[in-house]
Amino acid sequence: MLEDVPRDPFADDPNDPSSAMGALDDAEPLTAAERDEAITDLADVEVFRSLLEPQGVLGLVLDCPECGEQHYFDWELLRGNLRQMIEKGQPQVHEPAFHPDPADYVTWEYARGYVDGVIDTEERR
């Protein structure tokens, strides 16, 4: 029933604090190059996870260009964000990790180097 749906307390309020965020549906579609990059990143995340998760790594830590802080993403959140970027042109809204242990996360560069090391080792056999 529509009566059971909570009403937006800021509906039609010109001072709505969320208005500065813009509409969630206003995402620009990705360019072909951006989409290809997101698809490549998704494939990389799958490889990173397959090799690093068994070692106890919970995900990646990424430097945020907007706030300058590090953000911790578990594997599922990374996959979900990339899939949403590919499908909708913007990442999904998410809650930050709650008190992540930095020792459980690695950088993208570390993950890439780890994968490269595994590949090099396998090629030498």
Protein backbone atom coordinates (compact mmCIF):
# COMPACT_ATOMS: atom_id res chain seq x y z
CA MET A 1 0.00 0.00 0.00
CA LEU A 2 1.23 3.47 -0.76
CA GLU A 3 0.23 4.71 2.68
CA ASP A 4 2.89 2.41 4.19
CA VAL A 5 5.73 3.95 2.15
CA PRO A 6 7.59 6.55 4.22
CA ARG A 7 7.27 10.06 2.83
CA ASP A 8 10.42 12.01 2.01
CA PRO A 9 10.54 14.69 4.72
CA PHE A 10 12.35 17.03 2.30
CA ALA A 11 10.02 16.50 -0.66
CA ASP A 12 9.51 19.82 -2.48
CA ASP A 13 11.84 21.60 -0.02
CA PRO A 14 14.11 24.04 -1.91
CA ASN A 15 16.64 23.67 0.94
CA ASP A 16 16.80 19.89 0.70
CA PRO A 17 20.36 19.02 1.85
CA SER A 18 20.59 16.16 -0.65
CA SER A 19 19.92 18.44 -3.63
CA ALA A 20 23.64 19.24 -3.85
CA MET A 21 24.30 15.57 -4.62
CA GLY A 22 22.28 15.65 -7.83
CA ALA A 23 19.97 12.96 -9.05
CA LEU A 24 21.24 9.40 -8.92
CA ASP A 25 19.90 8.69 -12.39
CA ASP A 26 21.87 11.53 -14.04
CA ALA A 27 24.98 9.45 -14.74
CA GLU A 28 26.65 10.00 -18.07
CA PRO A 29 27.15 6.78 -20.00
CA LEU A 30 30.71 5.54 -20.08
CA THR A 31 32.71 6.13 -23.21
CA ALA A 32 33.81 3.01 -25.06
CA ALA A 33 37.33 3.44 -23.63
CA GLU A 34 36.02 3.88 -20.06
CA ARG A 35 33.79 0.83 -20.44
CA ASP A 36 36.70 -1.25 -21.78
CA GLU A 37 38.84 -0.08 -18.85
CA ALA A 38 36.11 -1.03 -16.35
CA ILE A 39 35.77 -4.48 -17.97
CA THR A 40 39.55 -4.95 -17.77
CA ASP A 41 39.52 -3.82 -14.13
CA LEU A 42 36.74 -6.30 -13.35
CA ALA A 43 38.76 -9.13 -14.91
CA ASP A 44 41.82 -8.00 -12.91
CA VAL A 45 39.82 -7.99 -9.67
CA GLU A 46 38.67 -11.56 -10.36
CA VAL A 47 42.29 -12.69 -10.83
CA PHE A 48 43.49 -10.72 -7.80
CA ARG A 49 40.78 -12.29 -5.66
CA SER A 50 41.45 -15.83 -6.87
CA LEU A 51 45.13 -15.55 -5.90
CA LEU A 52 45.01 -13.26 -2.86
CA GLU A 53 41.85 -14.30 -1.00
CA PRO A 54 43.31 -17.74 -0.13
CA GLN A 55 46.27 -15.82 1.35
CA GLY A 56 43.89 -13.97 3.71
CA VAL A 57 43.59 -10.71 1.74
CA LEU A 58 40.07 -9.32 2.11
CA GLY A 59 40.21 -6.77 -0.71
CA LEU A 60 41.95 -3.67 -2.00
CA VAL A 61 42.76 -0.27 -0.53
CA LEU A 62 42.42 2.57 -3.01
CA ASP A 63 43.45 6.22 -2.72
CA CYS A 64 40.44 8.47 -3.21
CA PRO A 65 41.24 11.35 -5.56
CA GLU A 66 38.27 13.34 -4.21
CA CYS A 67 39.03 13.27 -0.48
CA GLY A 68 42.66 12.17 -0.46
CA GLU A 69 41.96 9.34 1.99
CA GLN A 70 42.31 5.60 1.56
CA HIS A 71 39.16 3.55 1.08
CA TYR A 72 38.98 -0.18 1.81
CA PHE A 73 36.91 -2.34 -0.53
CA ASP A 74 36.20 -6.02 -0.05
CA TRP A 75 36.13 -8.23 -3.13
CA GLU A 76 32.34 -8.29 -3.51
CA LEU A 77 32.04 -4.52 -3.19
CA LEU A 78 34.74 -4.03 -5.82
CA ARG A 79 32.99 -6.43 -8.20
CA GLY A 80 29.62 -4.80 -7.57
CA ASN A 81 30.99 -1.29 -8.13
CA LEU A 82 32.66 -2.26 -11.38
CA ARG A 83 29.60 -4.11 -12.67
CA GLN A 84 27.39 -1.14 -11.84
CA MET A 85 29.86 1.18 -13.59
CA ILE A 86 29.71 -1.00 -16.69
CA GLU A 87 25.91 -1.27 -16.64
CA LYS A 88 24.83 2.14 -15.30
CA GLY A 89 27.82 4.46 -15.70
CA GLN A 90 28.30 5.10 -11.98
CA PRO A 91 29.40 3.09 -8.94
CA GLN A 92 26.85 1.91 -6.44
CA VAL A 93 26.35 3.81 -3.22
CA HIS A 94 27.95 1.93 -0.36
CA GLU A 95 28.93 2.21 3.25
CA PRO A 96 32.65 2.41 3.98
CA ALA A 97 34.30 -0.55 5.66
CA PHE A 98 33.76 -0.48 9.41
CA HIS A 99 37.14 -0.31 11.16
CA PRO A 100 39.05 -2.26 8.52
CA ASP A 101 42.39 -3.73 9.49
CA PRO A 102 44.83 -2.30 6.91
CA ALA A 103 46.85 -5.51 7.14
CA ASP A 104 43.93 -7.35 5.49
CA TYR A 105 43.99 -5.19 2.33
CA VAL A 106 46.56 -4.56 -0.40
CA THR A 107 46.97 -1.85 -3.01
CA TRP A 108 46.11 -2.36 -6.67
CA GLU A 109 49.83 -2.11 -7.47
CA TYR A 110 50.70 -4.82 -4.93
CA ALA A 111 47.98 -7.10 -6.32
CA ARG A 112 49.20 -6.52 -9.89
CA GLY A 113 52.80 -7.28 -8.84
CA TYR A 114 51.69 -10.42 -7.02
CA VAL A 115 49.84 -11.68 -10.10
CA ASP A 116 52.82 -10.85 -12.32
CA GLY A 117 55.09 -12.78 -9.94
CA VAL A 118 52.82 -15.82 -10.02
CA ILE A 119 52.71 -15.72 -13.82
CA ASP A 120 56.51 -15.37 -14.05
CA THR A 121 57.00 -18.31 -11.69
CA GLU A 122 54.61 -20.49 -13.69
CA GLU A 123 56.31 -19.59 -16.97
CA ARG A 124 59.73 -20.66 -15.61
CA ARG A 125 58.51 -24.17 -14.84
